[in-house]
Amino acid sequence: MLSNIRIVLVNPYHPGNIGSVARAMKNMGLNKLYLVEPRKYPHPDAIAFSSHATDVLDHAMITDSLDEAIKGCHVVYATSARFREFSKPILTSREAAQKMLDEQENSEIAILFGRERTGLFNNELMKSQYHIYIPSVETYSSLNLAAAVQVMCYELRMTHLVKQGKTKIRQQRGNEVTIEELEGLYQHIEEAMIKIGFLNPNNPRRLMPRIRRIFTRAELDKNDLDLLRGIMRSILDQNGQE
């Protein structure tokens, strides 16, 4: 149940944190670690701080971009301690773990963690469908990178253990869309709105973030996606563009 979940560290700076994250993951039964442009890796500190979780490090995927790290995923969660304008649906770490292991059990999932000092940038947050926050005290909400990963992995582990003792029949969707397919839909919608004059690219008025939020709530499947792409093609065809 946990083998389909990727822990993605975006541009981590301290190699010791990478090792500590590997240890936290192995403690809780996760093993898919993705590193997006790590500053210092491989590094002896990563091995030292992993405390015998070197197998997680050995199989870690190092990528040059976030898009590469989330390729093939059906659902992307982003962790952030800050609430931002037009934020995606916000879940606590516990709520997110329950959603992943209940509704999205058979989906490929990525959980994004940002840089030690600055977290995730807005354009990186836009790649996700859900935002996760750890409900720490408001006056001191910033967690160490490895500590944040540990909390999230713990919630996943506890949810997994609880569900092992239950026999709940769940409807299998089986036709989830990938992140690449969703991005293609968003580009198609943007192109169509520009063509009919509804979206001014010089003054977009935050329309695309609103569109993304609407479709995230809708939890589209492949049939929904095909229908919407067909509508966009018809709009473009009627306006003289394929």
Protein backbone atom coordinates (compact mmCIF):
# COMPACT_ATOMS: atom_id res chain seq x y z
CA MET A 1 0.00 0.00 0.00
CA LEU A 2 2.95 2.35 0.56
CA SER A 3 5.04 1.21 -2.41
CA ASN A 4 3.28 3.61 -4.79
CA ILE A 5 4.25 6.74 -2.81
CA ARG A 6 7.26 8.86 -3.77
CA ILE A 7 8.97 11.24 -1.38
CA VAL A 8 10.33 14.08 -3.53
CA LEU A 9 12.91 16.50 -2.12
CA VAL A 10 13.22 19.62 -4.25
CA ASN A 11 16.71 21.13 -4.34
CA PRO A 12 17.78 19.92 -0.86
CA TYR A 13 20.88 21.72 0.40
CA HIS A 14 22.27 19.68 3.30
CA PRO A 15 23.30 16.09 2.48
CA GLY A 16 22.75 15.17 6.14
CA ASN A 17 19.07 15.97 5.68
CA ILE A 18 18.90 13.62 2.72
CA GLY A 19 20.32 10.84 4.87
CA SER A 20 17.93 11.63 7.71
CA VAL A 21 15.01 11.55 5.28
CA ALA A 22 16.10 8.11 4.05
CA ARG A 23 16.17 6.91 7.66
CA ALA A 24 12.71 8.36 8.36
CA MET A 25 11.31 6.67 5.26
CA LYS A 26 12.78 3.27 6.07
CA ASN A 27 11.48 3.51 9.66
CA MET A 28 7.94 3.78 8.29
CA GLY A 29 8.13 1.39 5.34
CA LEU A 30 8.58 3.78 2.40
CA ASN A 31 11.38 3.35 -0.10
CA LYS A 32 10.87 5.61 -3.13
CA LEU A 33 13.08 8.69 -2.74
CA TYR A 34 13.44 11.27 -5.52
CA LEU A 35 15.98 14.11 -5.36
CA VAL A 36 15.48 17.11 -7.64
CA GLU A 37 18.80 18.90 -8.23
CA PRO A 38 20.36 18.20 -4.81
CA ARG A 39 23.13 20.70 -3.98
CA LYS A 40 25.55 18.16 -2.51
CA TYR A 41 24.87 14.55 -3.38
CA PRO A 42 26.25 11.91 -3.26
CA HIS A 43 28.00 12.86 -0.02
CA PRO A 44 29.43 10.98 2.99
CA ASP A 45 27.14 12.91 5.36
CA ALA A 46 24.09 11.46 3.64
CA ILE A 47 25.33 7.95 4.34
CA ALA A 48 26.29 8.80 7.93
CA PHE A 49 22.92 10.38 8.75
CA SER A 50 20.95 7.59 7.10
CA SER A 51 21.89 5.22 9.93
CA HIS A 52 21.84 2.00 7.87
CA ALA A 53 19.09 3.16 5.51
CA THR A 54 21.63 3.16 2.69
CA ASP A 55 19.40 0.92 0.57
CA VAL A 56 16.95 3.84 0.26
CA LEU A 57 19.83 6.10 -0.81
CA ASP A 58 21.21 3.52 -3.22
CA HIS A 59 17.90 3.39 -5.07
CA ALA A 60 17.17 7.14 -4.91
CA MET A 61 16.32 8.75 -8.25
CA ILE A 62 18.19 11.98 -9.01
CA THR A 63 16.44 14.24 -11.52
CA ASP A 64 17.19 17.55 -13.21
CA SER A 65 13.64 18.86 -12.89
CA LEU A 66 10.50 18.52 -10.81
CA ASP A 67 8.53 17.49 -13.91
CA GLU A 68 10.86 14.52 -14.32
CA ALA A 69 10.44 13.53 -10.65
CA ILE A 70 6.63 13.46 -10.84
CA LYS A 71 6.38 11.92 -14.31
CA GLY A 72 3.85 9.09 -14.38
CA CYS A 73 2.14 10.17 -11.15
CA HIS A 74 -1.63 10.42 -10.91
CA VAL A 75 -1.71 12.62 -7.80
CA VAL A 76 0.79 15.16 -6.43
CA TYR A 77 0.73 16.57 -2.90
CA ALA A 78 2.88 19.55 -1.87
CA THR A 79 3.86 20.34 1.71
CA SER A 80 3.84 23.96 2.84
CA ALA A 81 3.59 25.79 6.14
CA ARG A 82 2.24 28.90 4.39
CA PHE A 83 -1.30 29.44 3.18
CA ARG A 84 -1.26 31.26 -0.12
CA GLU A 85 -3.76 32.99 -2.39
CA PHE A 86 -5.71 30.56 -4.57
CA SER A 87 -4.22 27.68 -2.64
CA LYS A 88 -5.14 24.14 -3.60
CA PRO A 89 -7.36 22.07 -1.29
CA ILE A 90 -5.56 22.03 2.07
CA LEU A 91 -5.26 18.87 4.16
CA THR A 92 -3.53 18.10 7.42
CA SER A 93 -0.85 15.43 7.27
CA ARG A 94 -3.30 12.95 8.78
CA GLU A 95 -6.12 13.81 6.38
CA ALA A 96 -3.73 13.53 3.45
CA ALA A 97 -2.49 10.10 4.56
CA GLN A 98 -6.06 8.86 4.86
CA LYS A 99 -6.97 10.19 1.43
CA MET A 100 -3.91 8.58 -0.17
CA LEU A 101 -4.51 5.15 1.32
CA ASP A 102 -8.29 5.16 0.94
CA GLU A 103 -9.38 6.96 -2.20
CA GLN A 104 -6.05 6.83 -4.05
CA GLU A 105 -4.67 3.48 -2.95
CA ASN A 106 -3.89 2.30 -6.49
CA SER A 107 -2.59 5.62 -7.80
CA GLU A 108 1.04 6.62 -8.23
CA ILE A 109 1.52 9.44 -5.70
CA ALA A 110 4.24 12.04 -5.13
CA ILE A 111 4.68 14.12 -1.96
CA LEU A 112 6.81 17.23 -2.49
CA PHE A 113 9.05 18.76 0.16
CA GLY A 114 10.78 22.08 -0.48
CA ARG A 115 14.12 23.63 0.28
CA GLU A 116 15.31 23.93 3.86
CA ARG A 117 15.19 27.74 3.87
CA THR A 118 12.54 28.74 1.35
CA GLY A 119 10.31 25.71 0.87
CA LEU A 120 8.59 25.23 -2.47
CA PHE A 121 8.26 28.06 -4.97
CA ASN A 122 4.82 29.05 -6.24
CA ASN A 123 5.38 27.52 -9.68
CA GLU A 124 6.32 24.24 -7.97
CA LEU A 125 3.24 24.33 -5.75
CA MET A 126 1.13 24.73 -8.89
CA LYS A 127 2.25 21.26 -9.99
CA SER A 128 0.27 19.72 -7.13
CA GLN A 129 -3.41 19.01 -6.64
CA TYR A 130 -3.37 19.15 -2.83
CA HIS A 131 -1.42 21.03 -0.19
CA ILE A 132 -0.41 19.39 3.08
CA TYR A 133 0.34 21.20 6.30
CA ILE A 134 1.49 19.77 9.61
CA PRO A 135 -0.62 21.40 12.34
CA SER A 136 2.21 22.69 14.50
CA VAL A 137 1.81 25.73 16.78
CA GLU A 138 1.17 28.93 14.86
CA THR A 139 4.02 30.83 16.49
CA TYR A 140 6.65 28.29 15.42
CA SER A 141 5.41 26.37 12.40
CA SER A 142 8.65 25.67 10.52
CA LEU A 143 9.90 22.09 10.75
CA ASN A 144 13.27 20.65 9.83
CA LEU A 145 13.08 18.91 6.45
CA ALA A 146 13.72 15.43 7.83
CA ALA A 147 11.28 16.02 10.70
CA ALA A 148 8.54 17.03 8.26
CA VAL A 149 9.15 13.89 6.20
CA GLN A 150 9.13 11.80 9.38
CA VAL A 151 5.73 13.17 10.43
CA MET A 152 4.22 12.52 7.01
CA CYS A 153 5.67 9.01 6.81
CA TYR A 154 4.43 8.30 10.33
CA GLU A 155 0.89 9.31 9.39
CA LEU A 156 1.05 7.08 6.34
CA ARG A 157 2.36 4.17 8.42
CA MET A 158 -0.33 4.56 11.08
CA THR A 159 -3.10 4.79 8.47
CA HIS A 160 -1.69 1.69 6.78
CA LEU A 161 -1.65 -0.26 10.05
CA VAL A 162 -5.22 0.73 10.88
CA LYS A 163 -6.43 -0.29 7.44
CA GLN A 164 -4.71 -3.67 7.68
CA GLY A 165 -7.23 -4.61 10.36
CA LYS A 166 -10.25 -3.63 8.24
CA THR A 167 -12.07 -5.30 5.36
CA LYS A 168 -13.45 -2.35 3.49
CA ILE A 169 -14.60 -2.79 -0.08
CA ARG A 170 -13.67 0.24 -2.14
CA GLN A 171 -14.63 1.06 -5.67
CA GLN A 172 -11.60 0.82 -7.93
CA ARG A 173 -11.44 3.67 -10.41
CA GLY A 174 -8.74 2.15 -12.60
CA ASN A 175 -8.81 5.01 -15.12
CA GLU A 176 -6.92 7.76 -13.32
CA VAL A 177 -5.23 10.48 -15.34
CA THR A 178 -1.53 11.27 -15.05
CA ILE A 179 -0.02 14.64 -14.25
CA GLU A 180 1.19 14.95 -17.85
CA GLU A 181 -2.37 14.40 -19.11
CA LEU A 182 -3.72 17.04 -16.73
CA GLU A 183 -1.05 19.52 -17.81
CA GLY A 184 -2.01 18.86 -21.43
CA LEU A 185 -5.65 19.60 -20.60
CA TYR A 186 -4.74 22.86 -18.84
CA GLN A 187 -2.67 23.98 -21.83
CA HIS A 188 -5.55 23.08 -24.15
CA ILE A 189 -8.04 25.06 -22.05
CA GLU A 190 -5.73 28.07 -21.90
CA GLU A 191 -5.25 27.98 -25.67
CA ALA A 192 -9.01 27.80 -26.28
CA MET A 193 -9.80 30.63 -23.84
CA ILE A 194 -7.20 32.85 -25.50
CA LYS A 195 -8.61 32.02 -28.94
CA ILE A 196 -12.18 33.01 -28.04
CA GLY A 197 -11.01 36.14 -26.22
CA PHE A 198 -12.01 35.02 -22.75
CA LEU A 199 -8.41 35.03 -21.48
CA ASN A 200 -6.06 37.91 -22.16
CA PRO A 201 -2.50 36.51 -21.90
CA ASN A 202 -1.26 40.00 -21.01
CA ASN A 203 -3.75 40.27 -18.15
CA PRO A 204 -4.62 36.68 -17.14
CA ARG A 205 -6.38 37.67 -13.88
CA ARG A 206 -5.35 34.40 -12.20
CA LEU A 207 -7.81 32.47 -14.35
CA MET A 208 -5.63 29.40 -14.83
CA PRO A 209 -5.02 28.85 -11.09
CA ARG A 210 -8.80 29.00 -10.63
CA ILE A 211 -9.32 26.51 -13.47
CA ARG A 212 -6.77 24.14 -11.90
CA ARG A 213 -8.51 24.37 -8.55
CA ILE A 214 -11.90 23.57 -10.10
CA PHE A 215 -10.63 20.45 -11.84
CA THR A 216 -8.66 19.30 -8.80
CA ARG A 217 -11.91 19.27 -6.82
CA ALA A 218 -13.58 17.36 -9.66
CA GLU A 219 -10.98 14.52 -9.54
CA LEU A 220 -11.17 13.87 -13.28
CA ASP A 221 -10.85 10.40 -14.77
CA LYS A 222 -9.82 9.55 -18.35
CA ASN A 223 -13.40 9.72 -19.65
CA ASP A 224 -13.78 13.23 -18.21
CA LEU A 225 -10.45 14.24 -19.71
CA ASP A 226 -11.35 12.92 -23.17
CA LEU A 227 -14.67 14.79 -23.09
CA LEU A 228 -13.02 18.09 -22.10
CA ARG A 229 -10.26 17.73 -24.68
CA GLY A 230 -12.94 17.08 -27.32
CA ILE A 231 -14.74 20.28 -26.33
CA MET A 232 -11.50 22.26 -26.53
CA ARG A 233 -10.72 20.83 -29.99
CA SER A 234 -14.21 21.80 -31.20
CA ILE A 235 -13.76 25.35 -29.91
CA LEU A 236 -10.41 25.69 -31.66
CA ASP A 237 -11.69 24.11 -34.89
CA GLN A 238 -14.61 26.54 -35.05
CA ASN A 239 -12.20 29.40 -34.61
CA GLY A 240 -9.89 28.28 -37.39
CA GLN A 241 -7.24 26.42 -35.38
CA GLU A 242 -6.65 22.77 -34.68
